[in-house]
Amino acid sequence: MAYWRSNDENDIDIGLMLNDINAKSLSLDEAVNAFNTFVKKIGMFDEVKLSQRKGDLIPENVNIRLYMYNPDYGDTYMLYKIVYNFTNDTTSYYYNEKYFSHYTGFIEEVRKMENLYPTNDTIY
């Protein structure tokens, strides 16, 4: 699954799928590793910020969401969201607060990480 959409607020949303319908549930360590891998692989948007030319039209925000199919619930959930704000030149990281409330120990792991915040802003 992948999607792209734009809105009137000059934002772009991109969704990526971590796994498919045959996937297994993620352990706590696998969920944390999924975040680290997601951030590392999406680093290409930092290069976009660096290569801007004066006068180029760019979106204010690019929201990139990582989804996962969870066989325990028989549904797809947003795990993480990265927001690149090109106006302020900032990057913010979010996790799905409702989904991860079921992971024992996840909040303790999040406290060790910088700049990772809960969100209920999920798109399905």
PDB file of N, CA and C in Angstrom:
ATOM      1  N   MET A   1       0.841  -1.177   0.000  1.00  0.00           N
ATOM      2  CA  MET A   1       0.000   0.000   0.000  1.00  0.00           C
ATOM      3  C   MET A   1       0.883   1.235   0.000  1.00  0.00           C
ATOM      4  N   ALA A   2       0.534   2.155  -0.807  1.00  0.00           N
ATOM      5  CA  ALA A   2       1.184   3.457  -0.814  1.00  0.00           C
ATOM      6  C   ALA A   2       0.169   4.453  -1.341  1.00  0.00           C
ATOM      7  N   TYR A   3       0.228   5.666  -0.854  1.00  0.00           N
ATOM      8  CA  TYR A   3      -0.667   6.690  -1.365  1.00  0.00           C
ATOM      9  C   TYR A   3       0.030   8.031  -1.310  1.00  0.00           C
ATOM     10  N   TRP A   4      -0.506   8.958  -2.042  1.00  0.00           N
ATOM     11  CA  TRP A   4      -0.039  10.331  -2.065  1.00  0.00           C
ATOM     12  C   TRP A   4      -1.264  11.205  -2.188  1.00  0.00           C
ATOM     13  N   ARG A   5      -1.331  12.261  -1.408  1.00  0.00           N
ATOM     14  CA  ARG A   5      -2.446  13.194  -1.558  1.00  0.00           C
ATOM     15  C   ARG A   5      -1.967  14.588  -1.181  1.00  0.00           C
ATOM     16  N   SER A   6      -2.602  15.572  -1.731  1.00  0.00           N
ATOM     17  CA  SER A   6      -2.287  16.964  -1.454  1.00  0.00           C
ATOM     18  C   SER A   6      -3.579  17.649  -1.036  1.00  0.00           C
ATOM     19  N   ASN A   7      -3.456  18.717  -0.251  1.00  0.00           N
ATOM     20  CA  ASN A   7      -4.664  19.431   0.162  1.00  0.00           C
ATOM     21  C   ASN A   7      -4.514  20.924  -0.104  1.00  0.00           C
ATOM     22  N   ASP A   8      -5.544  21.666   0.185  1.00  0.00           N
ATOM     23  CA  ASP A   8      -5.549  23.104  -0.085  1.00  0.00           C
ATOM     24  C   ASP A   8      -4.601  23.882   0.817  1.00  0.00           C
ATOM     25  N   GLU A   9      -4.130  23.271   1.873  1.00  0.00           N
ATOM     26  CA  GLU A   9      -3.242  23.954   2.809  1.00  0.00           C
ATOM     27  C   GLU A   9      -1.782  23.818   2.399  1.00  0.00           C
ATOM     28  N   ASN A  10      -1.549  23.376   1.176  1.00  0.00           N
ATOM     29  CA  ASN A  10      -0.195  23.225   0.651  1.00  0.00           C
ATOM     30  C   ASN A  10       0.596  22.161   1.408  1.00  0.00           C
ATOM     31  N   ASP A  11      -0.081  21.126   1.854  1.00  0.00           N
ATOM     32  CA  ASP A  11       0.561  19.985   2.497  1.00  0.00           C
ATOM     33  C   ASP A  11       0.491  18.784   1.565  1.00  0.00           C
ATOM     34  N   ILE A  12       1.442  17.912   1.706  1.00  0.00           N
ATOM     35  CA  ILE A  12       1.437  16.646   0.979  1.00  0.00           C
ATOM     36  C   ILE A  12       1.485  15.524   2.005  1.00  0.00           C
ATOM     37  N   ASP A  13       0.640  14.512   1.826  1.00  0.00           N
ATOM     38  CA  ASP A  13       0.666  13.310   2.659  1.00  0.00           C
ATOM     39  C   ASP A  13       1.112  12.140   1.806  1.00  0.00           C
ATOM     40  N   ILE A  14       2.035  11.362   2.344  1.00  0.00           N
ATOM     41  CA  ILE A  14       2.521  10.155   1.678  1.00  0.00           C
ATOM     42  C   ILE A  14       2.376   9.016   2.673  1.00  0.00           C
ATOM     43  N   GLY A  15       1.805   7.903   2.248  1.00  0.00           N
ATOM     44  CA  GLY A  15       1.653   6.736   3.112  1.00  0.00           C
ATOM     45  C   GLY A  15       2.407   5.554   2.550  1.00  0.00           C
ATOM     46  N   LEU A  16       3.096   4.842   3.415  1.00  0.00           N
ATOM     47  CA  LEU A  16       3.867   3.665   3.030  1.00  0.00           C
ATOM     48  C   LEU A  16       3.471   2.490   3.908  1.00  0.00           C
ATOM     49  N   MET A  17       3.508   1.294   3.356  1.00  0.00           N
ATOM     50  CA  MET A  17       3.127   0.083   4.087  1.00  0.00           C
ATOM     51  C   MET A  17       4.374  -0.681   4.501  1.00  0.00           C
ATOM     52  N   LEU A  18       4.437  -1.074   5.782  1.00  0.00           N
ATOM     53  CA  LEU A  18       5.572  -1.815   6.316  1.00  0.00           C
ATOM     54  C   LEU A  18       5.548  -3.277   5.907  1.00  0.00           C
ATOM     55  N   ASN A  19       4.368  -3.867   5.846  1.00  0.00           N
ATOM     56  CA  ASN A  19       4.260  -5.309   5.594  1.00  0.00           C
ATOM     57  C   ASN A  19       2.997  -5.598   4.792  1.00  0.00           C
ATOM     58  N   ASP A  20       2.663  -6.868   4.664  1.00  0.00           N
ATOM     59  CA  ASP A  20       1.458  -7.225   3.919  1.00  0.00           C
ATOM     60  C   ASP A  20       0.537  -8.083   4.782  1.00  0.00           C
ATOM     61  N   ILE A  21      -0.513  -8.571   4.192  1.00  0.00           N
ATOM     62  CA  ILE A  21      -1.543  -9.315   4.922  1.00  0.00           C
ATOM     63  C   ILE A  21      -1.027 -10.625   5.528  1.00  0.00           C
ATOM     64  N   ASN A  22       0.110 -11.127   5.060  1.00  0.00           N
ATOM     65  CA  ASN A  22       0.692 -12.359   5.600  1.00  0.00           C
ATOM     66  C   ASN A  22       1.665 -12.100   6.748  1.00  0.00           C
ATOM     67  N   ALA A  23       1.751 -10.866   7.212  1.00  0.00           N
ATOM     68  CA  ALA A  23       2.730 -10.497   8.232  1.00  0.00           C
ATOM     69  C   ALA A  23       2.348 -11.024   9.608  1.00  0.00           C
ATOM     70  N   LYS A  24       3.351 -11.045  10.478  1.00  0.00           N
ATOM     71  CA  LYS A  24       3.118 -11.413  11.875  1.00  0.00           C
ATOM     72  C   LYS A  24       3.073 -10.142  12.714  1.00  0.00           C
ATOM     73  N   SER A  25       2.628 -10.255  13.938  1.00  0.00           N
ATOM     74  CA  SER A  25       2.612  -9.114  14.848  1.00  0.00           C
ATOM     75  C   SER A  25       4.041  -8.701  15.167  1.00  0.00           C
ATOM     76  N   LEU A  26       4.218  -7.425  15.509  1.00  0.00           N
ATOM     77  CA  LEU A  26       5.538  -6.933  15.879  1.00  0.00           C
ATOM     78  C   LEU A  26       5.724  -7.002  17.385  1.00  0.00           C
ATOM     79  N   SER A  27       6.902  -7.432  17.802  1.00  0.00           N
ATOM     80  CA  SER A  27       7.259  -7.347  19.215  1.00  0.00           C
ATOM     81  C   SER A  27       7.623  -5.893  19.514  1.00  0.00           C
ATOM     82  N   LEU A  28       7.842  -5.568  20.779  1.00  0.00           N
ATOM     83  CA  LEU A  28       8.231  -4.211  21.155  1.00  0.00           C
ATOM     84  C   LEU A  28       9.528  -3.815  20.461  1.00  0.00           C
ATOM     85  N   ASP A  29      10.523  -4.694  20.482  1.00  0.00           N
ATOM     86  CA  ASP A  29      11.805  -4.396  19.830  1.00  0.00           C
ATOM     87  C   ASP A  29      11.631  -4.186  18.332  1.00  0.00           C
ATOM     88  N   GLU A  30      10.801  -5.004  17.702  1.00  0.00           N
ATOM     89  CA  GLU A  30      10.566  -4.862  16.260  1.00  0.00           C
ATOM     90  C   GLU A  30       9.844  -3.549  15.944  1.00  0.00           C
ATOM     91  N   ALA A  31       8.943  -3.121  16.819  1.00  0.00           N
ATOM     92  CA  ALA A  31       8.234  -1.853  16.614  1.00  0.00           C
ATOM     93  C   ALA A  31       9.200  -0.673  16.715  1.00  0.00           C
ATOM     94  N   VAL A  32      10.109  -0.722  17.683  1.00  0.00           N
ATOM     95  CA  VAL A  32      11.116   0.337  17.833  1.00  0.00           C
ATOM     96  C   VAL A  32      12.072   0.319  16.646  1.00  0.00           C
ATOM     97  N   ASN A  33      12.497  -0.872  16.225  1.00  0.00           N
ATOM     98  CA  ASN A  33      13.381  -0.983  15.060  1.00  0.00           C
ATOM     99  C   ASN A  33      12.694  -0.486  13.790  1.00  0.00           C
ATOM    100  N   ALA A  34      11.395  -0.715  13.671  1.00  0.00           N
ATOM    101  CA  ALA A  34      10.647  -0.227  12.506  1.00  0.00           C
ATOM    102  C   ALA A  34      10.708   1.297  12.440  1.00  0.00           C
ATOM    103  N   PHE A  35      10.603   1.954  13.609  1.00  0.00           N
ATOM    104  CA  PHE A  35      10.707   3.416  13.635  1.00  0.00           C
ATOM    105  C   PHE A  35      12.094   3.862  13.190  1.00  0.00           C
ATOM    106  N   ASN A  36      13.131   3.259  13.754  1.00  0.00           N
ATOM    107  CA  ASN A  36      14.502   3.650  13.415  1.00  0.00           C
ATOM    108  C   ASN A  36      14.798   3.450  11.932  1.00  0.00           C
ATOM    109  N   THR A  37      14.336   2.348  11.368  1.00  0.00           N
ATOM    110  CA  THR A  37      14.544   2.073   9.945  1.00  0.00           C
ATOM    111  C   THR A  37      13.761   3.065   9.090  1.00  0.00           C
ATOM    112  N   PHE A  38      12.534   3.348   9.486  1.00  0.00           N
ATOM    113  CA  PHE A  38      11.685   4.302   8.774  1.00  0.00           C
ATOM    114  C   PHE A  38      12.361   5.672   8.702  1.00  0.00           C
ATOM    115  N   VAL A  39      12.852   6.151   9.834  1.00  0.00           N
ATOM    116  CA  VAL A  39      13.511   7.462   9.883  1.00  0.00           C
ATOM    117  C   VAL A  39      14.756   7.469   8.999  1.00  0.00           C
ATOM    118  N   LYS A  40      15.518   6.402   9.069  1.00  0.00           N
ATOM    119  CA  LYS A  40      16.755   6.319   8.282  1.00  0.00           C
ATOM    120  C   LYS A  40      16.457   6.319   6.778  1.00  0.00           C
ATOM    121  N   LYS A  41      15.482   5.526   6.368  1.00  0.00           N
ATOM    122  CA  LYS A  41      15.175   5.409   4.936  1.00  0.00           C
ATOM    123  C   LYS A  41      14.509   6.662   4.378  1.00  0.00           C
ATOM    124  N   ILE A  42      13.789   7.382   5.200  1.00  0.00           N
ATOM    125  CA  ILE A  42      13.088   8.575   4.736  1.00  0.00           C
ATOM    126  C   ILE A  42      14.019   9.790   4.749  1.00  0.00           C
ATOM    127  N   GLY A  43      15.252   9.610   5.109  1.00  0.00           N
ATOM    128  CA  GLY A  43      16.232  10.694   5.133  1.00  0.00           C
ATOM    129  C   GLY A  43      16.411  11.401   3.808  1.00  0.00           C
ATOM    130  N   MET A  44      15.899  10.824   2.734  1.00  0.00           N
ATOM    131  CA  MET A  44      16.030  11.454   1.418  1.00  0.00           C
ATOM    132  C   MET A  44      15.371  12.825   1.380  1.00  0.00           C
ATOM    133  N   PHE A  45      14.376  13.063   2.224  1.00  0.00           N
ATOM    134  CA  PHE A  45      13.717  14.364   2.212  1.00  0.00           C
ATOM    135  C   PHE A  45      14.621  15.457   2.766  1.00  0.00           C
ATOM    136  N   ASP A  46      15.601  15.097   3.575  1.00  0.00           N
ATOM    137  CA  ASP A  46      16.590  16.079   4.008  1.00  0.00           C
ATOM    138  C   ASP A  46      17.362  16.598   2.804  1.00  0.00           C
ATOM    139  N   GLU A  47      17.638  15.714   1.850  1.00  0.00           N
ATOM    140  CA  GLU A  47      18.347  16.125   0.639  1.00  0.00           C
ATOM    141  C   GLU A  47      17.490  17.064  -0.196  1.00  0.00           C
ATOM    142  N   VAL A  48      16.179  16.854  -0.191  1.00  0.00           N
ATOM    143  CA  VAL A  48      15.281  17.752  -0.921  1.00  0.00           C
ATOM    144  C   VAL A  48      15.379  19.152  -0.336  1.00  0.00           C
ATOM    145  N   LYS A  49      15.404  19.239   0.993  1.00  0.00           N
ATOM    146  CA  LYS A  49      15.515  20.550   1.627  1.00  0.00           C
ATOM    147  C   LYS A  49      16.819  21.234   1.229  1.00  0.00           C
ATOM    148  N   LEU A  50      17.885  20.467   1.137  1.00  0.00           N
ATOM    149  CA  LEU A  50      19.183  21.040   0.812  1.00  0.00           C
ATOM    150  C   LEU A  50      19.276  21.486  -0.640  1.00  0.00           C
ATOM    151  N   SER A  51      18.507  20.863  -1.524  1.00  0.00           N
ATOM    152  CA  SER A  51      18.634  21.154  -2.950  1.00  0.00           C
ATOM    153  C   SER A  51      17.609  22.166  -3.467  1.00  0.00           C
ATOM    154  N   GLN A  52      16.916  22.843  -2.583  1.00  0.00           N
ATOM    155  CA  GLN A  52      15.928  23.829  -3.018  1.00  0.00           C
ATOM    156  C   GLN A  52      16.612  24.974  -3.759  1.00  0.00           C
ATOM    157  N   ARG A  53      15.974  25.402  -4.828  1.00  0.00           N
ATOM    158  CA  ARG A  53      16.462  26.570  -5.551  1.00  0.00           C
ATOM    159  C   ARG A  53      15.523  27.729  -5.264  1.00  0.00           C
ATOM    160  N   LYS A  54      16.057  28.908  -5.249  1.00  0.00           N
ATOM    161  CA  LYS A  54      15.235  30.088  -5.001  1.00  0.00           C
ATOM    162  C   LYS A  54      14.111  30.141  -6.035  1.00  0.00           C
ATOM    163  N   GLY A  55      12.897  30.328  -5.578  1.00  0.00           N
ATOM    164  CA  GLY A  55      11.753  30.407  -6.472  1.00  0.00           C
ATOM    165  C   GLY A  55      11.040  29.084  -6.697  1.00  0.00           C
ATOM    166  N   ASP A  56      11.635  27.959  -6.266  1.00  0.00           N
ATOM    167  CA  ASP A  56      10.970  26.664  -6.409  1.00  0.00           C
ATOM    168  C   ASP A  56       9.721  26.624  -5.534  1.00  0.00           C
ATOM    169  N   LEU A  57       8.640  26.100  -6.078  1.00  0.00           N
ATOM    170  CA  LEU A  57       7.426  25.913  -5.294  1.00  0.00           C
ATOM    171  C   LEU A  57       7.544  24.607  -4.519  1.00  0.00           C
ATOM    172  N   ILE A  58       7.458  24.698  -3.221  1.00  0.00           N
ATOM    173  CA  ILE A  58       7.532  23.503  -2.382  1.00  0.00           C
ATOM    174  C   ILE A  58       6.366  23.538  -1.406  1.00  0.00           C
ATOM    175  N   PRO A  59       5.933  22.377  -0.926  1.00  0.00           N
ATOM    176  CA  PRO A  59       4.839  22.360   0.049  1.00  0.00           C
ATOM    177  C   PRO A  59       5.311  22.904   1.392  1.00  0.00           C
ATOM    178  N   GLU A  60       4.356  23.372   2.180  1.00  0.00           N
ATOM    179  CA  GLU A  60       4.705  23.822   3.527  1.00  0.00           C
ATOM    180  C   GLU A  60       5.103  22.629   4.391  1.00  0.00           C
ATOM    181  N   ASN A  61       4.307  21.556   4.316  1.00  0.00           N
ATOM    182  CA  ASN A  61       4.574  20.350   5.096  1.00  0.00           C
ATOM    183  C   ASN A  61       4.502  19.120   4.212  1.00  0.00           C
ATOM    184  N   VAL A  62       5.376  18.175   4.476  1.00  0.00           N
ATOM    185  CA  VAL A  62       5.279  16.842   3.890  1.00  0.00           C
ATOM    186  C   VAL A  62       5.101  15.884   5.061  1.00  0.00           C
ATOM    187  N   ASN A  63       3.969  15.178   5.083  1.00  0.00           N
ATOM    188  CA  ASN A  63       3.666  14.208   6.132  1.00  0.00           C
ATOM    189  C   ASN A  63       3.853  12.816   5.553  1.00  0.00           C
ATOM    190  N   ILE A  64       4.737  12.049   6.147  1.00  0.00           N
ATOM    191  CA  ILE A  64       4.987  10.692   5.671  1.00  0.00           C
ATOM    192  C   ILE A  64       4.560   9.741   6.777  1.00  0.00           C
ATOM    193  N   ARG A  65       3.672   8.826   6.432  1.00  0.00           N
ATOM    194  CA  ARG A  65       3.107   7.909   7.422  1.00  0.00           C
ATOM    195  C   ARG A  65       3.503   6.474   7.098  1.00  0.00           C
ATOM    196  N   LEU A  66       3.817   5.724   8.140  1.00  0.00           N
ATOM    197  CA  LEU A  66       4.150   4.306   7.995  1.00  0.00           C
ATOM    198  C   LEU A  66       3.006   3.485   8.574  1.00  0.00           C
ATOM    199  N   TYR A  67       2.461   2.583   7.753  1.00  0.00           N
ATOM    200  CA  TYR A  67       1.350   1.726   8.152  1.00  0.00           C
ATOM    201  C   TYR A  67       1.819   0.288   8.301  1.00  0.00           C
ATOM    202  N   MET A  68       1.057  -0.484   9.080  1.00  0.00           N
ATOM    203  CA  MET A  68       1.345  -1.897   9.263  1.00  0.00           C
ATOM    204  C   MET A  68       0.037  -2.669   9.346  1.00  0.00           C
ATOM    205  N   TYR A  69       0.002  -3.816   8.687  1.00  0.00           N
ATOM    206  CA  TYR A  69      -1.127  -4.729   8.860  1.00  0.00           C
ATOM    207  C   TYR A  69      -0.849  -5.544  10.110  1.00  0.00           C
ATOM    208  N   ASN A  70      -1.808  -5.592  11.033  1.00  0.00           N
ATOM    209  CA  ASN A  70      -1.654  -6.366  12.261  1.00  0.00           C
ATOM    210  C   ASN A  70      -2.634  -7.535  12.233  1.00  0.00           C
ATOM    211  N   PRO A  71      -2.117  -8.768  12.117  1.00  0.00           N
ATOM    212  CA  PRO A  71      -3.004  -9.927  12.033  1.00  0.00           C
ATOM    213  C   PRO A  71      -3.795 -10.179  13.317  1.00  0.00           C
ATOM    214  N   ASP A  72      -3.295  -9.686  14.459  1.00  0.00           N
ATOM    215  CA  ASP A  72      -4.024  -9.868  15.718  1.00  0.00           C
ATOM    216  C   ASP A  72      -5.373  -9.149  15.689  1.00  0.00           C
ATOM    217  N   TYR A  73      -5.425  -8.033  14.978  1.00  0.00           N
ATOM    218  CA  TYR A  73      -6.651  -7.240  14.894  1.00  0.00           C
ATOM    219  C   TYR A  73      -7.314  -7.337  13.526  1.00  0.00           C
ATOM    220  N   GLY A  74      -6.616  -7.959  12.561  1.00  0.00           N
ATOM    221  CA  GLY A  74      -7.165  -8.096  11.214  1.00  0.00           C
ATOM    222  C   GLY A  74      -7.386  -6.771  10.511  1.00  0.00           C
ATOM    223  N   ASP A  75      -6.511  -5.801  10.792  1.00  0.00           N
ATOM    224  CA  ASP A  75      -6.684  -4.475  10.223  1.00  0.00           C
ATOM    225  C   ASP A  75      -5.327  -3.804  10.024  1.00  0.00           C
ATOM    226  N   THR A  76      -5.345  -2.682   9.318  1.00  0.00           N
ATOM    227  CA  THR A  76      -4.138  -1.898   9.062  1.00  0.00           C
ATOM    228  C   THR A  76      -4.146  -0.665   9.952  1.00  0.00           C
ATOM    229  N   TYR A  77      -2.995  -0.349  10.528  1.00  0.00           N
ATOM    230  CA  TYR A  77      -2.867   0.776  11.443  1.00  0.00           C
ATOM    231  C   TYR A  77      -1.692   1.650  11.059  1.00  0.00           C
ATOM    232  N   MET A  78      -1.829   2.961  11.300  1.00  0.00           N
ATOM    233  CA  MET A  78      -0.695   3.853  11.151  1.00  0.00           C
ATOM    234  C   MET A  78       0.176   3.691  12.387  1.00  0.00           C
ATOM    235  N   LEU A  79       1.459   3.453  12.184  1.00  0.00           N
ATOM    236  CA  LEU A  79       2.388   3.342  13.301  1.00  0.00           C
ATOM    237  C   LEU A  79       3.039   4.683  13.615  1.00  0.00           C
ATOM    238  N   TYR A  80       3.652   5.272  12.586  1.00  0.00           N
ATOM    239  CA  TYR A  80       4.462   6.470  12.785  1.00  0.00           C
ATOM    240  C   TYR A  80       4.168   7.506  11.714  1.00  0.00           C
ATOM    241  N   LYS A  81       4.472   8.748  12.049  1.00  0.00           N
ATOM    242  CA  LYS A  81       4.342   9.849  11.097  1.00  0.00           C
ATOM    243  C   LYS A  81       5.552  10.760  11.259  1.00  0.00           C
ATOM    244  N   ILE A  82       6.136  11.145  10.129  1.00  0.00           N
ATOM    245  CA  ILE A  82       7.216  12.128  10.118  1.00  0.00           C
ATOM    246  C   ILE A  82       6.674  13.366   9.412  1.00  0.00           C
ATOM    247  N   VAL A  83       6.882  14.533  10.009  1.00  0.00           N
ATOM    248  CA  VAL A  83       6.434  15.787   9.410  1.00  0.00           C
ATOM    249  C   VAL A  83       7.658  16.642   9.102  1.00  0.00           C
ATOM    250  N   TYR A  84       7.836  16.916   7.820  1.00  0.00           N
ATOM    251  CA  TYR A  84       8.865  17.853   7.377  1.00  0.00           C
ATOM    252  C   TYR A  84       8.178  19.189   7.141  1.00  0.00           C
ATOM    253  N   ASN A  85       8.537  20.202   7.935  1.00  0.00           N
ATOM    254  CA  ASN A  85       7.996  21.542   7.748  1.00  0.00           C
ATOM    255  C   ASN A  85       9.062  22.354   7.031  1.00  0.00           C
ATOM    256  N   PHE A  86       8.838  22.596   5.744  1.00  0.00           N
ATOM    257  CA  PHE A  86       9.837  23.293   4.936  1.00  0.00           C
ATOM    258  C   PHE A  86       9.855  24.794   5.201  1.00  0.00           C
ATOM    259  N   THR A  87       8.771  25.344   5.741  1.00  0.00           N
ATOM    260  CA  THR A  87       8.731  26.764   6.062  1.00  0.00           C
ATOM    261  C   THR A  87       9.651  27.077   7.233  1.00  0.00           C
ATOM    262  N   ASN A  88       9.578  26.253   8.276  1.00  0.00           N
ATOM    263  CA  ASN A  88      10.402  26.467   9.470  1.00  0.00           C
ATOM    264  C   ASN A  88      11.667  25.628   9.481  1.00  0.00           C
ATOM    265  N   ASP A  89      11.841  24.792   8.455  1.00  0.00           N
ATOM    266  CA  ASP A  89      12.989  23.898   8.343  1.00  0.00           C
ATOM    267  C   ASP A  89      13.119  23.002   9.584  1.00  0.00           C
ATOM    268  N   THR A  90      11.994  22.356   9.949  1.00  0.00           N
ATOM    269  CA  THR A  90      11.989  21.453  11.099  1.00  0.00           C
ATOM    270  C   THR A  90      11.458  20.081  10.694  1.00  0.00           C
ATOM    271  N   THR A  91      11.823  19.095  11.484  1.00  0.00           N
ATOM    272  CA  THR A  91      11.332  17.734  11.306  1.00  0.00           C
ATOM    273  C   THR A  91      10.804  17.256  12.651  1.00  0.00           C
ATOM    274  N   SER A  92       9.598  16.689  12.653  1.00  0.00           N
ATOM    275  CA  SER A  92       8.998  16.164  13.880  1.00  0.00           C
ATOM    276  C   SER A  92       8.575  14.722  13.650  1.00  0.00           C
ATOM    277  N   TYR A  93       8.618  13.930  14.722  1.00  0.00           N
ATOM    278  CA  TYR A  93       8.309  12.503  14.649  1.00  0.00           C
ATOM    279  C   TYR A  93       7.171  12.184  15.616  1.00  0.00           C
ATOM    280  N   TYR A  94       6.244  11.346  15.152  1.00  0.00           N
ATOM    281  CA  TYR A  94       5.072  11.004  15.955  1.00  0.00           C
ATOM    282  C   TYR A  94       4.797   9.510  15.900  1.00  0.00           C
ATOM    283  N   TYR A  95       4.188   8.998  16.975  1.00  0.00           N
ATOM    284  CA  TYR A  95       3.715   7.615  16.991  1.00  0.00           C
ATOM    285  C   TYR A  95       2.217   7.624  17.264  1.00  0.00           C
ATOM    286  N   ASN A  96       1.539   6.582  16.818  1.00  0.00           N
ATOM    287  CA  ASN A  96       0.100   6.443  16.994  1.00  0.00           C
ATOM    288  C   ASN A  96      -0.176   6.101  18.459  1.00  0.00           C
ATOM    289  N   GLU A  97      -0.647   7.090  19.190  1.00  0.00           N
ATOM    290  CA  GLU A  97      -0.855   6.935  20.633  1.00  0.00           C
ATOM    291  C   GLU A  97      -1.837   5.812  20.960  1.00  0.00           C
ATOM    292  N   LYS A  98      -2.937   5.741  20.242  1.00  0.00           N
ATOM    293  CA  LYS A  98      -3.947   4.721  20.524  1.00  0.00           C
ATOM    294  C   LYS A  98      -3.407   3.318  20.248  1.00  0.00           C
ATOM    295  N   TYR A  99      -2.754   3.145  19.106  1.00  0.00           N
ATOM    296  CA  TYR A  99      -2.244   1.822  18.741  1.00  0.00           C
ATOM    297  C   TYR A  99      -1.173   1.353  19.729  1.00  0.00           C
ATOM    298  N   PHE A 100      -0.225   2.214  20.045  1.00  0.00           N
ATOM    299  CA  PHE A 100       0.879   1.792  20.900  1.00  0.00           C
ATOM    300  C   PHE A 100       0.515   1.726  22.380  1.00  0.00           C
ATOM    301  N   SER A 101      -0.684   2.144  22.750  1.00  0.00           N
ATOM    302  CA  SER A 101      -1.104   1.985  24.144  1.00  0.00           C
ATOM    303  C   SER A 101      -1.237   0.503  24.501  1.00  0.00           C
ATOM    304  N   HIS A 102      -1.313  -0.367  23.484  1.00  0.00           N
ATOM    305  CA  HIS A 102      -1.414  -1.814  23.705  1.00  0.00           C
ATOM    306  C   HIS A 102      -0.048  -2.483  23.875  1.00  0.00           C
ATOM    307  N   TYR A 103       1.027  -1.750  23.616  1.00  0.00           N
ATOM    308  CA  TYR A 103       2.381  -2.308  23.725  1.00  0.00           C
ATOM    309  C   TYR A 103       2.946  -2.018  25.108  1.00  0.00           C
ATOM    310  N   THR A 104       3.087  -3.040  25.925  1.00  0.00           N
ATOM    311  CA  THR A 104       3.677  -2.873  27.242  1.00  0.00           C
ATOM    312  C   THR A 104       5.135  -2.467  27.086  1.00  0.00           C
ATOM    313  N   GLY A 105       5.517  -1.386  27.733  1.00  0.00           N
ATOM    314  CA  GLY A 105       6.901  -0.927  27.699  1.00  0.00           C
ATOM    315  C   GLY A 105       7.221   0.061  26.590  1.00  0.00           C
ATOM    316  N   PHE A 106       6.276   0.307  25.676  1.00  0.00           N
ATOM    317  CA  PHE A 106       6.578   1.206  24.555  1.00  0.00           C
ATOM    318  C   PHE A 106       6.809   2.640  25.031  1.00  0.00           C
ATOM    319  N   ILE A 107       5.975   3.128  25.929  1.00  0.00           N
ATOM    320  CA  ILE A 107       6.110   4.505  26.413  1.00  0.00           C
ATOM    321  C   ILE A 107       7.469   4.695  27.081  1.00  0.00           C
ATOM    322  N   GLU A 108       7.935   3.701  27.810  1.00  0.00           N
ATOM    323  CA  GLU A 108       9.254   3.785  28.435  1.00  0.00           C
ATOM    324  C   GLU A 108      10.351   3.883  27.375  1.00  0.00           C
ATOM    325  N   GLU A 109      10.193   3.146  26.278  1.00  0.00           N
ATOM    326  CA  GLU A 109      11.166   3.210  25.174  1.00  0.00           C
ATOM    327  C   GLU A 109      11.125   4.579  24.497  1.00  0.00           C
ATOM    328  N   VAL A 110       9.932   5.127  24.332  1.00  0.00           N
ATOM    329  CA  VAL A 110       9.778   6.430  23.679  1.00  0.00           C
ATOM    330  C   VAL A 110      10.479   7.518  24.483  1.00  0.00           C
ATOM    331  N   ARG A 111      10.418   7.429  25.784  1.00  0.00           N
ATOM    332  CA  ARG A 111      11.056   8.446  26.631  1.00  0.00           C
ATOM    333  C   ARG A 111      12.564   8.492  26.422  1.00  0.00           C
ATOM    334  N   LYS A 112      13.156   7.411  25.949  1.00  0.00           N
ATOM    335  CA  LYS A 112      14.596   7.364  25.673  1.00  0.00           C
ATOM    336  C   LYS A 112      14.936   8.019  24.335  1.00  0.00           C
ATOM    337  N   MET A 113      13.924   8.187  23.490  1.00  0.00           N
ATOM    338  CA  MET A 113      14.139   8.732  22.152  1.00  0.00           C
ATOM    339  C   MET A 113      13.835  10.225  22.146  1.00  0.00           C
ATOM    340  N   GLU A 114      14.571  10.965  21.340  1.00  0.00           N
ATOM    341  CA  GLU A 114      14.334  12.401  21.241  1.00  0.00           C
ATOM    342  C   GLU A 114      13.313  12.709  20.150  1.00  0.00           C
ATOM    343  N   ASN A 115      12.512  13.722  20.388  1.00  0.00           N
ATOM    344  CA  ASN A 115      11.646  14.283  19.356  1.00  0.00           C
ATOM    345  C   ASN A 115      10.609  13.295  18.817  1.00  0.00           C
ATOM    346  N   LEU A 116      10.131  12.370  19.648  1.00  0.00           N
ATOM    347  CA  LEU A 116       9.077  11.431  19.242  1.00  0.00           C
ATOM    348  C   LEU A 116       7.873  11.666  20.152  1.00  0.00           C
ATOM    349  N   TYR A 117       6.752  12.069  19.549  1.00  0.00           N
ATOM    350  CA  TYR A 117       5.589  12.497  20.308  1.00  0.00           C
ATOM    351  C   TYR A 117       4.352  11.685  19.932  1.00  0.00           C
ATOM    352  N   PRO A 118       3.372  11.601  20.836  1.00  0.00           N
ATOM    353  CA  PRO A 118       2.130  10.888  20.511  1.00  0.00           C
ATOM    354  C   PRO A 118       1.248  11.725  19.587  1.00  0.00           C
ATOM    355  N   THR A 119       0.453  11.044  18.769  1.00  0.00           N
ATOM    356  CA  THR A 119      -0.524  11.730  17.924  1.00  0.00           C
ATOM    357  C   THR A 119      -1.760  10.856  17.755  1.00  0.00           C
ATOM    358  N   ASN A 120      -2.872  11.515  17.580  1.00  0.00           N
ATOM    359  CA  ASN A 120      -4.110  10.840  17.199  1.00  0.00           C
ATOM    360  C   ASN A 120      -4.494  11.218  15.773  1.00  0.00           C
ATOM    361  N   ASP A 121      -3.600  11.920  15.078  1.00  0.00           N
ATOM    362  CA  ASP A 121      -3.808  12.324  13.687  1.00  0.00           C
ATOM    363  C   ASP A 121      -3.435  11.160  12.783  1.00  0.00           C
ATOM    364  N   THR A 122      -4.405  10.292  12.555  1.00  0.00           N
ATOM    365  CA  THR A 122      -4.173   9.118  11.716  1.00  0.00           C
ATOM    366  C   THR A 122      -5.111   9.174  10.523  1.00  0.00           C
ATOM    367  N   ILE A 123      -4.637   8.743   9.379  1.00  0.00           N
ATOM    368  CA  ILE A 123      -5.442   8.706   8.155  1.00  0.00           C
ATOM    369  C   ILE A 123      -5.513   7.263   7.698  1.00  0.00           C
ATOM    370  N   TYR A 124      -6.736   6.783   7.443  1.00  0.00           N
ATOM    371  CA  TYR A 124      -6.906   5.422   6.934  1.00  0.00           C
ATOM    372  C   TYR A 124      -7.731   5.455   5.690  1.00  0.00           C
TER     373      TYR A 124
END
